[in-house]
Amino acid sequence: MKTLKAYVDRANQWGAIFNSKPLDLNDPSDRQRIASKIDSDLSPENLTCDGELSQSQVRAKYKELTTAANELIKLDPFVEFYEFSL
């Protein structure tokens, strides 16, 4: 759960800059928002930062995102992903 919590904390830090409502893992609708955000981050252009990241950086980012996604699925098996599948 620590990877997911770190992901949500980082998302909330960025969201605070834009006065976004903080994401809360205890809220089912927020859990789906988190799943959608992970999906977005897993899209090829975001995952590779439009080709700017090295292969090792992409692998590390992919591992972090998929770990967070798996932890989210364990917390709430009803969240839907499109870019990520088991």
C-alpha atoms as a PDB file:
ATOM      1  CA  MET A   1       0.000   0.000   0.000  1.00  0.00           C
ATOM      2  CA  LYS A   2       2.962   2.313   0.433  1.00  0.00           C
ATOM      3  CA  THR A   3       3.476   2.801  -3.320  1.00  0.00           C
ATOM      4  CA  LEU A   4      -0.175   3.741  -3.781  1.00  0.00           C
ATOM      5  CA  LYS A   5      -0.097   6.079  -0.785  1.00  0.00           C
ATOM      6  CA  ALA A   6       3.066   7.754  -2.097  1.00  0.00           C
ATOM      7  CA  TYR A   7       1.434   8.116  -5.535  1.00  0.00           C
ATOM      8  CA  VAL A   8      -1.688   9.725  -4.032  1.00  0.00           C
ATOM      9  CA  ASP A   9       0.392  12.000  -1.793  1.00  0.00           C
ATOM     10  CA  ARG A  10       2.398  13.186  -4.811  1.00  0.00           C
ATOM     11  CA  ALA A  11      -0.797  13.709  -6.836  1.00  0.00           C
ATOM     12  CA  ASN A  12      -2.261  15.732  -3.981  1.00  0.00           C
ATOM     13  CA  GLN A  13       0.869  17.868  -3.741  1.00  0.00           C
ATOM     14  CA  TRP A  14       0.574  18.715  -7.437  1.00  0.00           C
ATOM     15  CA  GLY A  15      -3.166  19.214  -7.102  1.00  0.00           C
ATOM     16  CA  ALA A  16      -2.663  21.699  -4.256  1.00  0.00           C
ATOM     17  CA  ILE A  17      -0.810  23.966  -6.670  1.00  0.00           C
ATOM     18  CA  PHE A  18      -3.981  24.196  -8.756  1.00  0.00           C
ATOM     19  CA  ASN A  19      -6.399  24.214  -5.785  1.00  0.00           C
ATOM     20  CA  SER A  20      -7.752  20.768  -6.724  1.00  0.00           C
ATOM     21  CA  LYS A  21      -9.779  18.734  -4.261  1.00  0.00           C
ATOM     22  CA  PRO A  22      -7.399  16.257  -2.557  1.00  0.00           C
ATOM     23  CA  LEU A  23      -7.781  12.603  -3.481  1.00  0.00           C
ATOM     24  CA  ASP A  24      -8.868  10.327  -0.627  1.00  0.00           C
ATOM     25  CA  LEU A  25      -8.353   6.566  -0.747  1.00  0.00           C
ATOM     26  CA  ASN A  26     -11.354   6.126   1.553  1.00  0.00           C
ATOM     27  CA  ASP A  27     -13.738   7.629  -1.030  1.00  0.00           C
ATOM     28  CA  PRO A  28     -14.906   5.192  -3.774  1.00  0.00           C
ATOM     29  CA  SER A  29     -15.279   7.960  -6.374  1.00  0.00           C
ATOM     30  CA  ASP A  30     -11.763   9.189  -5.592  1.00  0.00           C
ATOM     31  CA  ARG A  31     -10.434   5.645  -5.978  1.00  0.00           C
ATOM     32  CA  GLN A  32     -11.818   5.639  -9.525  1.00  0.00           C
ATOM     33  CA  ARG A  33     -10.262   9.072 -10.132  1.00  0.00           C
ATOM     34  CA  ILE A  34      -6.937   7.649  -8.950  1.00  0.00           C
ATOM     35  CA  ALA A  35      -7.340   4.676 -11.309  1.00  0.00           C
ATOM     36  CA  SER A  36      -8.026   7.061 -14.188  1.00  0.00           C
ATOM     37  CA  LYS A  37      -4.973   9.118 -13.260  1.00  0.00           C
ATOM     38  CA  ILE A  38      -2.787   5.997 -13.203  1.00  0.00           C
ATOM     39  CA  ASP A  39      -4.255   5.044 -16.597  1.00  0.00           C
ATOM     40  CA  SER A  40      -3.337   8.447 -17.934  1.00  0.00           C
ATOM     41  CA  ASP A  41       0.184   8.182 -16.547  1.00  0.00           C
ATOM     42  CA  LEU A  42       0.552   4.765 -18.218  1.00  0.00           C
ATOM     43  CA  SER A  43      -0.248   6.087 -21.691  1.00  0.00           C
ATOM     44  CA  PRO A  44       2.855   5.821 -23.895  1.00  0.00           C
ATOM     45  CA  GLU A  45       3.404   9.559 -24.284  1.00  0.00           C
ATOM     46  CA  ASN A  46       3.127  10.176 -20.531  1.00  0.00           C
ATOM     47  CA  LEU A  47       5.056   7.074 -19.527  1.00  0.00           C
ATOM     48  CA  THR A  48       8.026   8.034 -21.687  1.00  0.00           C
ATOM     49  CA  CYS A  49       7.637  11.817 -21.260  1.00  0.00           C
ATOM     50  CA  ASP A  50       7.313  12.033 -25.050  1.00  0.00           C
ATOM     51  CA  GLY A  51      10.483   9.968 -25.515  1.00  0.00           C
ATOM     52  CA  GLU A  52      12.625  12.045 -23.178  1.00  0.00           C
ATOM     53  CA  LEU A  53      13.185   9.326 -20.543  1.00  0.00           C
ATOM     54  CA  SER A  54      15.791   6.595 -20.769  1.00  0.00           C
ATOM     55  CA  GLN A  55      14.680   2.971 -20.922  1.00  0.00           C
ATOM     56  CA  SER A  56      15.663   2.419 -17.298  1.00  0.00           C
ATOM     57  CA  GLN A  57      13.655   5.479 -16.204  1.00  0.00           C
ATOM     58  CA  VAL A  58      10.631   4.242 -18.160  1.00  0.00           C
ATOM     59  CA  ARG A  59      10.922   0.774 -16.594  1.00  0.00           C
ATOM     60  CA  ALA A  60      11.132   2.273 -13.084  1.00  0.00           C
ATOM     61  CA  LYS A  61       8.150   4.549 -13.735  1.00  0.00           C
ATOM     62  CA  TYR A  62       6.155   1.649 -15.210  1.00  0.00           C
ATOM     63  CA  LYS A  63       6.954  -0.553 -12.206  1.00  0.00           C
ATOM     64  CA  GLU A  64       5.860   2.169  -9.765  1.00  0.00           C
ATOM     65  CA  LEU A  65       2.607   2.814 -11.627  1.00  0.00           C
ATOM     66  CA  THR A  66       1.694  -0.850 -12.021  1.00  0.00           C
ATOM     67  CA  THR A  67       2.491  -1.494  -8.350  1.00  0.00           C
ATOM     68  CA  ALA A  68       0.221   1.398  -7.350  1.00  0.00           C
ATOM     69  CA  ALA A  69      -2.482   0.039  -9.688  1.00  0.00           C
ATOM     70  CA  ASN A  70      -2.244  -3.450  -8.171  1.00  0.00           C
ATOM     71  CA  GLU A  71      -2.446  -2.007  -4.663  1.00  0.00           C
ATOM     72  CA  LEU A  72      -5.514   0.004  -5.680  1.00  0.00           C
ATOM     73  CA  ILE A  73      -7.175  -3.111  -7.109  1.00  0.00           C
ATOM     74  CA  LYS A  74      -6.527  -4.944  -3.831  1.00  0.00           C
ATOM     75  CA  LEU A  75      -8.143  -2.051  -1.975  1.00  0.00           C
ATOM     76  CA  ASP A  76     -11.091  -1.767  -4.380  1.00  0.00           C
ATOM     77  CA  PRO A  77     -11.545  -4.563  -6.954  1.00  0.00           C
ATOM     78  CA  PHE A  78     -14.309  -2.557  -8.675  1.00  0.00           C
ATOM     79  CA  VAL A  79     -12.100   0.259 -10.028  1.00  0.00           C
ATOM     80  CA  GLU A  80     -11.743   0.227 -13.817  1.00  0.00           C
ATOM     81  CA  PHE A  81      -8.511   0.575 -15.751  1.00  0.00           C
ATOM     82  CA  TYR A  82      -8.060   0.817 -19.519  1.00  0.00           C
ATOM     83  CA  GLU A  83      -4.281   1.096 -20.047  1.00  0.00           C
ATOM     84  CA  PHE A  84      -3.484  -1.342 -17.241  1.00  0.00           C
ATOM     85  CA  SER A  85      -4.564  -4.959 -17.110  1.00  0.00           C
ATOM     86  CA  LEU A  86      -3.536  -7.846 -14.906  1.00  0.00           C
END
